[in-house]
C-alpha atoms as a PDB file:
ATOM      1  CA  MET A   1      14.119-168.981-109.179  1.00  0.00           C
ATOM      2  CA  GLY A   2      17.546-168.623-107.695  1.00  0.00           C
ATOM      3  CA  ILE A   3      19.193-171.031-105.190  1.00  0.00           C
ATOM      4  CA  PRO A   4      16.906-173.500-103.343  1.00  0.00           C
ATOM      5  CA  ILE A   5      16.483-172.329 -99.706  1.00  0.00           C
ATOM      6  CA  GLU A   6      14.878-174.067 -96.715  1.00  0.00           C
ATOM      7  CA  LYS A   7      12.775-171.082 -95.576  1.00  0.00           C
ATOM      8  CA  PRO A   8       9.116-171.465 -96.746  1.00  0.00           C
ATOM      9  CA  ASN A   9       8.246-167.793 -96.292  1.00  0.00           C
ATOM     10  CA  ALA A  10      11.492-166.393 -97.889  1.00  0.00           C
ATOM     11  CA  GLN A  11      11.318-164.283-101.094  1.00  0.00           C
ATOM     12  CA  TRP A  12      14.060-163.310-103.516  1.00  0.00           C
ATOM     13  CA  ILE A  13      14.215-159.571-104.280  1.00  0.00           C
ATOM     14  CA  LYS A  14      16.128-157.798-107.054  1.00  0.00           C
ATOM     15  CA  PRO A  15      19.064-155.701-105.670  1.00  0.00           C
ATOM     16  CA  GLY A  16      18.628-151.995-106.140  1.00  0.00           C
ATOM     17  CA  LEU A  17      22.186-150.798-105.606  1.00  0.00           C
ATOM     18  CA  ILE A  18      25.558-151.683-107.109  1.00  0.00           C
ATOM     19  CA  GLY A  19      28.754-150.942-105.205  1.00  0.00           C
ATOM     20  CA  HIS A  20      32.173-150.545-106.585  1.00  0.00           C
ATOM     21  CA  VAL A  21      34.890-151.867-104.181  1.00  0.00           C
ATOM     22  CA  ARG A  22      38.712-151.233-104.299  1.00  0.00           C
ATOM     23  CA  PHE A  23      40.852-153.617-102.325  1.00  0.00           C
ATOM     24  CA  LEU A  24      44.413-154.707-101.788  1.00  0.00           C
ATOM     25  CA  LYS A  25      45.352-158.298-102.805  1.00  0.00           C
ATOM     26  CA  GLY A  26      46.126-160.386 -99.798  1.00  0.00           C
ATOM     27  CA  GLU A  27      46.032-163.847 -98.428  1.00  0.00           C
ATOM     28  CA  GLY A  28      42.734-164.763-100.069  1.00  0.00           C
ATOM     29  CA  GLY A  29      39.521-162.813 -99.643  1.00  0.00           C
ATOM     30  CA  LEU A  30      39.320-159.057 -99.531  1.00  0.00           C
ATOM     31  CA  ARG A  31      41.924-157.072 -97.634  1.00  0.00           C
ATOM     32  CA  GLN A  32      41.370-153.439 -96.687  1.00  0.00           C
ATOM     33  CA  ALA A  33      38.393-153.059 -98.850  1.00  0.00           C
ATOM     34  CA  THR A  34      37.182-149.513 -99.609  1.00  0.00           C
ATOM     35  CA  LEU A  35      33.715-148.690-101.044  1.00  0.00           C
ATOM     36  CA  THR A  36      34.536-146.136-103.854  1.00  0.00           C
ATOM     37  CA  LYS A  37      31.127-145.680-105.608  1.00  0.00           C
ATOM     38  CA  VAL A  38      27.488-146.658-105.287  1.00  0.00           C
ATOM     39  CA  ARG A  39      24.910-146.377-108.103  1.00  0.00           C
ATOM     40  CA  ASP A  40      21.244-147.313-108.602  1.00  0.00           C
ATOM     41  CA  GLU A  41      20.445-150.393-110.698  1.00  0.00           C
ATOM     42  CA  ASP A  42      18.141-149.340-113.534  1.00  0.00           C
END
């Protein structure tokens, strides 16, 4: 499941939160990101 990893004891878990992020467009990547909302994943 997921991406192969080189850690024998690692386990993948399902995320429990979803965040909504607002950001300005810039020179690649996020610029001045602001977390605007967080909700539970059902």
